């Protein structure tokens, strides 16, 4: 069994790998409608997306033998937590190869959240 390495996206190359990874997962799915690359870049742009005015998010890539095998976005929305008197982190943008070794929960505990919640909408 090969080790899975999870790292936070910090470079432009990693961000592009994060954005383009679903093409690998869904390449043979004829029902998949890929998003526009330019829209995905705008969605993850910390300088212009309105979510970052009050919240924070981090992107993570999982690699096995140097090859991207998964991705996930962890987000913290203080407004949501204040309204709901909670301390939850959220996740979205999750995709991975069919591999039981890819851990979807990497990264949350470092932010101090007591639980995680799946984001069901297209936004943060």
N, C-alpha and C. Protein backbone atom coordinates (compact mmCIF):
# COMPACT_ATOMS: atom_id res chain seq x y z
N UNK A 1 0.84 -1.17 0.00
CA UNK A 1 0.00 0.00 0.00
C UNK A 1 0.89 1.24 0.00
N UNK A 2 0.66 2.15 -0.93
CA UNK A 2 1.44 3.37 -1.02
C UNK A 2 0.86 4.44 -0.12
N UNK A 3 1.73 5.25 0.44
CA UNK A 3 1.35 6.32 1.34
C UNK A 3 0.65 7.45 0.58
N UNK A 4 -0.37 8.04 1.20
CA UNK A 4 -1.05 9.21 0.65
C UNK A 4 -0.52 10.44 1.38
N UNK A 5 -0.08 11.44 0.63
CA UNK A 5 0.37 12.70 1.21
C UNK A 5 -0.68 13.76 0.94
N UNK A 6 -1.09 14.48 1.98
CA UNK A 6 -2.04 15.57 1.85
C UNK A 6 -1.30 16.86 2.11
N UNK A 7 -1.43 17.82 1.19
CA UNK A 7 -0.77 19.11 1.36
C UNK A 7 -1.71 20.22 0.95
N UNK A 8 -1.52 21.37 1.61
CA UNK A 8 -2.33 22.53 1.29
C UNK A 8 -1.86 23.13 -0.02
N UNK A 9 -2.80 23.60 -0.81
CA UNK A 9 -2.49 24.26 -2.08
C UNK A 9 -1.90 25.63 -1.77
N UNK A 10 -0.69 25.85 -2.25
CA UNK A 10 -0.01 27.12 -1.99
C UNK A 10 0.51 27.79 -3.27
N UNK A 11 0.66 27.02 -4.32
CA UNK A 11 1.23 27.57 -5.56
C UNK A 11 0.17 27.62 -6.67
N UNK A 12 0.48 28.38 -7.68
CA UNK A 12 -0.41 28.46 -8.85
C UNK A 12 -0.53 27.09 -9.51
N UNK A 13 0.57 26.36 -9.57
CA UNK A 13 0.54 25.02 -10.19
C UNK A 13 -0.38 24.09 -9.40
N UNK A 14 -0.30 24.16 -8.07
CA UNK A 14 -1.19 23.33 -7.24
C UNK A 14 -2.65 23.75 -7.42
N UNK A 15 -2.89 25.06 -7.49
CA UNK A 15 -4.26 25.53 -7.68
C UNK A 15 -4.81 25.03 -9.01
N UNK A 16 -4.00 25.08 -10.05
CA UNK A 16 -4.43 24.56 -11.35
C UNK A 16 -4.69 23.06 -11.29
N UNK A 17 -3.85 22.33 -10.57
CA UNK A 17 -4.06 20.88 -10.41
C UNK A 17 -5.36 20.62 -9.66
N UNK A 18 -5.63 21.44 -8.63
CA UNK A 18 -6.87 21.33 -7.86
C UNK A 18 -8.08 21.55 -8.77
N UNK A 19 -8.03 22.61 -9.57
CA UNK A 19 -9.15 22.95 -10.45
C UNK A 19 -9.36 21.89 -11.51
N UNK A 20 -8.30 21.37 -12.09
CA UNK A 20 -8.41 20.44 -13.22
C UNK A 20 -8.58 18.97 -12.82
N UNK A 21 -8.44 18.64 -11.55
CA UNK A 21 -8.52 17.24 -11.13
C UNK A 21 -9.85 16.56 -11.51
N UNK A 22 -11.01 17.22 -11.41
CA UNK A 22 -12.25 16.53 -11.78
C UNK A 22 -12.27 15.99 -13.21
N UNK A 23 -11.52 16.59 -14.10
CA UNK A 23 -11.46 16.08 -15.48
C UNK A 23 -10.94 14.64 -15.48
N UNK A 24 -10.03 14.33 -14.58
CA UNK A 24 -9.51 12.97 -14.49
C UNK A 24 -10.59 12.02 -13.95
N UNK A 25 -11.29 12.47 -12.92
CA UNK A 25 -12.30 11.61 -12.28
C UNK A 25 -13.47 11.32 -13.23
N UNK A 26 -13.91 12.33 -13.95
CA UNK A 26 -15.13 12.20 -14.74
C UNK A 26 -14.89 12.08 -16.24
N UNK A 27 -13.66 11.81 -16.65
CA UNK A 27 -13.34 11.79 -18.07
C UNK A 27 -14.19 10.81 -18.88
N UNK A 28 -14.66 9.74 -18.28
CA UNK A 28 -15.47 8.77 -19.00
C UNK A 28 -16.96 8.86 -18.68
N UNK A 29 -17.34 9.90 -17.95
CA UNK A 29 -18.75 10.11 -17.59
C UNK A 29 -19.37 11.03 -18.62
N UNK A 30 -20.16 10.47 -19.51
CA UNK A 30 -20.74 11.26 -20.60
C UNK A 30 -21.80 12.22 -20.11
N UNK A 31 -22.28 12.06 -18.89
CA UNK A 31 -23.28 12.98 -18.34
C UNK A 31 -22.64 14.17 -17.63
N UNK A 32 -21.33 14.12 -17.41
CA UNK A 32 -20.64 15.20 -16.69
C UNK A 32 -20.51 16.43 -17.59
N UNK A 33 -20.90 17.55 -17.04
CA UNK A 33 -20.74 18.83 -17.73
C UNK A 33 -19.65 19.59 -16.98
N UNK A 34 -18.48 19.72 -17.57
CA UNK A 34 -17.38 20.37 -16.85
C UNK A 34 -17.63 21.86 -16.67
N UNK A 35 -17.17 22.39 -15.54
CA UNK A 35 -17.29 23.83 -15.33
C UNK A 35 -16.29 24.57 -16.21
N UNK A 36 -16.51 25.86 -16.35
CA UNK A 36 -15.56 26.69 -17.07
C UNK A 36 -14.34 26.93 -16.19
N UNK A 37 -13.16 26.74 -16.73
CA UNK A 37 -11.92 26.94 -15.96
C UNK A 37 -11.85 28.36 -15.42
N UNK A 38 -12.21 29.34 -16.23
CA UNK A 38 -12.13 30.73 -15.78
C UNK A 38 -13.06 30.99 -14.59
N UNK A 39 -14.23 30.33 -14.58
CA UNK A 39 -15.16 30.48 -13.46
C UNK A 39 -14.59 29.86 -12.20
N UNK A 40 -13.97 28.69 -12.33
CA UNK A 40 -13.38 28.02 -11.18
C UNK A 40 -12.23 28.84 -10.61
N UNK A 41 -11.43 29.44 -11.46
CA UNK A 41 -10.33 30.30 -10.99
C UNK A 41 -10.89 31.48 -10.22
N UNK A 42 -11.96 32.09 -10.71
CA UNK A 42 -12.58 33.21 -10.00
C UNK A 42 -13.17 32.76 -8.67
N UNK A 43 -13.76 31.57 -8.65
CA UNK A 43 -14.38 31.04 -7.43
C UNK A 43 -13.35 30.86 -6.32
N UNK A 44 -12.15 30.46 -6.67
CA UNK A 44 -11.11 30.20 -5.67
C UNK A 44 -10.16 31.39 -5.46
N UNK A 45 -10.47 32.53 -6.06
CA UNK A 45 -9.62 33.71 -5.94
C UNK A 45 -9.86 34.41 -4.61
N UNK A 46 -8.89 34.34 -3.72
CA UNK A 46 -9.02 34.93 -2.38
C UNK A 46 -9.15 36.45 -2.42
N UNK A 47 -8.65 37.08 -3.46
CA UNK A 47 -8.67 38.55 -3.53
C UNK A 47 -10.02 39.09 -3.99
N UNK A 48 -10.77 38.32 -4.76
CA UNK A 48 -12.00 38.87 -5.33
C UNK A 48 -13.29 38.16 -4.91
N UNK A 49 -13.22 36.94 -4.41
CA UNK A 49 -14.46 36.26 -4.04
C UNK A 49 -14.99 36.83 -2.73
N UNK A 50 -16.28 37.20 -2.67
CA UNK A 50 -16.83 37.85 -1.48
C UNK A 50 -16.79 37.01 -0.21
N UNK A 51 -16.74 35.69 -0.32
CA UNK A 51 -16.69 34.86 0.88
C UNK A 51 -15.51 35.24 1.78
N UNK A 52 -14.38 35.57 1.16
CA UNK A 52 -13.17 35.84 1.93
C UNK A 52 -13.21 37.17 2.68
N UNK A 53 -14.26 37.95 2.50
CA UNK A 53 -14.41 39.17 3.29
C UNK A 53 -14.78 38.84 4.73
N UNK A 54 -15.36 37.66 4.95
CA UNK A 54 -15.73 37.29 6.33
C UNK A 54 -15.28 35.87 6.71
N UNK A 55 -14.96 35.04 5.74
CA UNK A 55 -14.61 33.66 6.04
C UNK A 55 -13.25 33.29 5.51
N UNK A 56 -12.91 32.03 5.69
CA UNK A 56 -11.62 31.54 5.22
C UNK A 56 -11.81 30.14 4.66
N UNK A 57 -10.96 29.79 3.74
CA UNK A 57 -11.00 28.45 3.15
C UNK A 57 -9.60 28.05 2.76
N UNK A 58 -9.38 26.76 2.73
CA UNK A 58 -8.10 26.21 2.32
C UNK A 58 -8.36 25.04 1.38
N UNK A 59 -7.53 24.93 0.38
CA UNK A 59 -7.62 23.84 -0.58
C UNK A 59 -6.53 22.83 -0.28
N UNK A 60 -6.84 21.56 -0.42
CA UNK A 60 -5.88 20.49 -0.15
C UNK A 60 -5.87 19.51 -1.31
N UNK A 61 -4.69 19.03 -1.62
CA UNK A 61 -4.51 17.97 -2.62
C UNK A 61 -3.96 16.73 -1.94
N UNK A 62 -4.46 15.59 -2.32
CA UNK A 62 -3.91 14.31 -1.86
C UNK A 62 -3.12 13.73 -3.03
N UNK A 63 -1.89 13.30 -2.72
CA UNK A 63 -1.03 12.72 -3.76
C UNK A 63 -0.56 11.34 -3.32
N UNK A 64 -0.45 10.48 -4.29
CA UNK A 64 0.11 9.16 -4.07
C UNK A 64 1.19 8.97 -5.12
N UNK A 65 2.42 8.77 -4.66
CA UNK A 65 3.53 8.62 -5.58
C UNK A 65 3.68 9.84 -6.50
N UNK A 66 3.38 11.04 -5.96
CA UNK A 66 3.50 12.27 -6.71
C UNK A 66 2.32 12.61 -7.60
N UNK A 67 1.37 11.69 -7.75
CA UNK A 67 0.22 11.90 -8.62
C UNK A 67 -0.98 12.32 -7.78
N UNK A 68 -1.72 13.35 -8.23
CA UNK A 68 -2.91 13.81 -7.52
C UNK A 68 -3.97 12.72 -7.56
N UNK A 69 -4.45 12.33 -6.38
CA UNK A 69 -5.48 11.30 -6.28
C UNK A 69 -6.73 11.81 -5.57
N UNK A 70 -6.69 13.06 -5.10
CA UNK A 70 -7.86 13.61 -4.43
C UNK A 70 -7.71 15.10 -4.17
N UNK A 71 -8.84 15.71 -3.88
CA UNK A 71 -8.85 17.13 -3.53
C UNK A 71 -10.00 17.39 -2.58
N UNK A 72 -9.87 18.46 -1.80
CA UNK A 72 -10.95 18.86 -0.90
C UNK A 72 -10.72 20.30 -0.48
N UNK A 73 -11.80 21.00 -0.22
CA UNK A 73 -11.74 22.37 0.28
C UNK A 73 -12.32 22.37 1.69
N UNK A 74 -11.59 22.94 2.62
CA UNK A 74 -12.09 23.12 3.99
C UNK A 74 -12.38 24.60 4.17
N UNK A 75 -13.52 24.92 4.77
CA UNK A 75 -13.84 26.33 4.96
C UNK A 75 -14.36 26.58 6.37
N UNK A 76 -14.16 27.81 6.79
CA UNK A 76 -14.60 28.27 8.11
C UNK A 76 -15.42 29.53 7.88
N UNK A 77 -16.68 29.49 8.26
CA UNK A 77 -17.57 30.63 8.07
C UNK A 77 -18.01 31.14 9.44
N UNK A 78 -17.30 32.13 9.99
CA UNK A 78 -17.64 32.67 11.31
C UNK A 78 -19.07 33.21 11.38
N UNK A 79 -19.59 33.75 10.28
CA UNK A 79 -20.97 34.24 10.28
C UNK A 79 -21.95 33.10 10.54
N UNK A 80 -21.76 31.99 9.86
CA UNK A 80 -22.62 30.82 10.06
C UNK A 80 -22.53 30.35 11.52
N UNK A 81 -21.30 30.24 12.00
CA UNK A 81 -21.11 29.75 13.37
C UNK A 81 -21.73 30.70 14.39
N UNK A 82 -21.66 32.01 14.17
CA UNK A 82 -22.26 32.97 15.09
C UNK A 82 -23.78 32.87 15.09
N UNK A 83 -24.36 32.76 13.91
CA UNK A 83 -25.83 32.66 13.81
C UNK A 83 -26.35 31.38 14.44
N UNK A 84 -25.63 30.29 14.25
CA UNK A 84 -26.09 28.97 14.73
C UNK A 84 -25.46 28.56 16.06
N UNK A 85 -24.72 29.47 16.67
CA UNK A 85 -24.05 29.18 17.93
C UNK A 85 -23.34 27.83 17.85
N UNK A 86 -22.48 27.72 16.84
CA UNK A 86 -21.79 26.45 16.60
C UNK A 86 -20.31 26.71 16.35
N UNK A 87 -19.59 25.64 16.19
CA UNK A 87 -18.16 25.72 15.89
C UNK A 87 -17.83 24.62 14.89
N UNK A 88 -18.43 24.73 13.70
CA UNK A 88 -18.24 23.70 12.70
C UNK A 88 -17.42 24.23 11.54
N UNK A 89 -16.68 23.37 10.94
CA UNK A 89 -16.00 23.66 9.69
C UNK A 89 -16.77 22.96 8.59
N UNK A 90 -16.63 23.44 7.39
CA UNK A 90 -17.35 22.85 6.26
C UNK A 90 -16.36 22.31 5.24
N UNK A 91 -16.81 21.40 4.41
CA UNK A 91 -15.98 20.93 3.33
C UNK A 91 -16.78 20.84 2.05
N UNK A 92 -16.09 20.95 0.96
CA UNK A 92 -16.71 20.87 -0.35
C UNK A 92 -15.63 20.62 -1.39
N UNK A 93 -16.03 20.63 -2.63
CA UNK A 93 -15.09 20.42 -3.73
C UNK A 93 -14.32 19.11 -3.55
N UNK A 94 -15.00 18.12 -3.00
CA UNK A 94 -14.34 16.84 -2.72
C UNK A 94 -14.46 15.91 -3.91
N UNK A 95 -13.33 15.44 -4.34
CA UNK A 95 -13.23 14.43 -5.38
C UNK A 95 -12.04 13.55 -5.03
N UNK A 96 -12.14 12.26 -5.31
CA UNK A 96 -10.97 11.41 -5.15
C UNK A 96 -11.12 10.17 -6.02
N UNK A 97 -9.99 9.55 -6.30
CA UNK A 97 -10.01 8.28 -7.01
C UNK A 97 -10.65 7.25 -6.09
N UNK A 98 -11.04 6.14 -6.63
CA UNK A 98 -11.65 5.07 -5.84
C UNK A 98 -10.55 4.36 -5.06
N UNK A 99 -10.25 4.88 -3.86
CA UNK A 99 -9.14 4.38 -3.06
C UNK A 99 -9.46 4.62 -1.59
N UNK A 100 -9.56 3.56 -0.82
CA UNK A 100 -9.91 3.68 0.59
C UNK A 100 -8.85 4.41 1.41
N UNK A 101 -7.66 4.60 0.88
CA UNK A 101 -6.59 5.25 1.64
C UNK A 101 -6.65 6.77 1.59
N UNK A 102 -7.47 7.35 0.72
CA UNK A 102 -7.56 8.81 0.63
C UNK A 102 -8.46 9.30 1.76
N UNK A 103 -7.89 10.08 2.68
CA UNK A 103 -8.61 10.55 3.86
C UNK A 103 -9.22 11.91 3.61
N UNK A 104 -10.55 11.99 3.63
CA UNK A 104 -11.26 13.22 3.33
C UNK A 104 -11.25 14.24 4.47
N UNK A 105 -10.83 13.84 5.65
CA UNK A 105 -10.94 14.74 6.79
C UNK A 105 -9.64 15.43 7.17
N UNK A 106 -8.61 15.30 6.38
CA UNK A 106 -7.32 15.90 6.72
C UNK A 106 -7.44 17.42 6.77
N UNK A 107 -6.88 18.02 7.80
CA UNK A 107 -6.78 19.47 7.84
C UNK A 107 -7.71 20.20 8.79
N UNK A 108 -8.86 19.63 9.17
CA UNK A 108 -9.82 20.39 9.97
C UNK A 108 -9.40 20.63 11.39
N UNK A 109 -8.89 19.63 12.02
CA UNK A 109 -8.57 19.76 13.44
C UNK A 109 -7.56 20.88 13.69
N UNK A 110 -6.71 21.18 12.70
CA UNK A 110 -5.75 22.26 12.89
C UNK A 110 -6.45 23.62 12.97
N UNK A 111 -7.68 23.72 12.49
CA UNK A 111 -8.43 24.97 12.58
C UNK A 111 -9.23 25.04 13.87
N UNK A 112 -9.30 23.95 14.63
CA UNK A 112 -9.98 23.95 15.91
C UNK A 112 -11.47 23.64 15.85
N UNK A 113 -11.99 23.22 14.69
CA UNK A 113 -13.41 22.88 14.62
C UNK A 113 -13.67 21.56 15.34
N UNK A 114 -14.86 21.48 15.95
CA UNK A 114 -15.22 20.26 16.67
C UNK A 114 -15.92 19.26 15.77
N UNK A 115 -16.41 19.70 14.60
CA UNK A 115 -17.05 18.78 13.67
C UNK A 115 -16.96 19.39 12.27
N UNK A 116 -17.37 18.60 11.27
CA UNK A 116 -17.37 19.09 9.90
C UNK A 116 -18.75 18.89 9.29
N UNK A 117 -19.05 19.67 8.28
CA UNK A 117 -20.34 19.58 7.61
C UNK A 117 -20.10 19.71 6.11
N UNK A 118 -20.76 18.89 5.34
CA UNK A 118 -20.65 18.91 3.88
C UNK A 118 -21.43 20.10 3.35
N UNK A 119 -20.83 20.87 2.45
CA UNK A 119 -21.50 21.98 1.81
C UNK A 119 -22.31 21.42 0.66
N UNK A 120 -23.60 21.66 0.66
CA UNK A 120 -24.47 21.07 -0.35
C UNK A 120 -24.77 22.01 -1.51
N UNK A 121 -24.35 23.25 -1.44
CA UNK A 121 -24.64 24.17 -2.53
C UNK A 121 -23.35 24.44 -3.32
N UNK A 122 -23.47 25.17 -4.40
CA UNK A 122 -22.32 25.43 -5.26
C UNK A 122 -21.35 26.43 -4.64
N UNK A 123 -21.81 27.24 -3.71
CA UNK A 123 -20.95 28.24 -3.08
C UNK A 123 -20.24 27.70 -1.89
N UNK A 124 -19.66 28.59 -1.13
CA UNK A 124 -18.95 28.19 0.07
C UNK A 124 -19.94 27.76 1.10
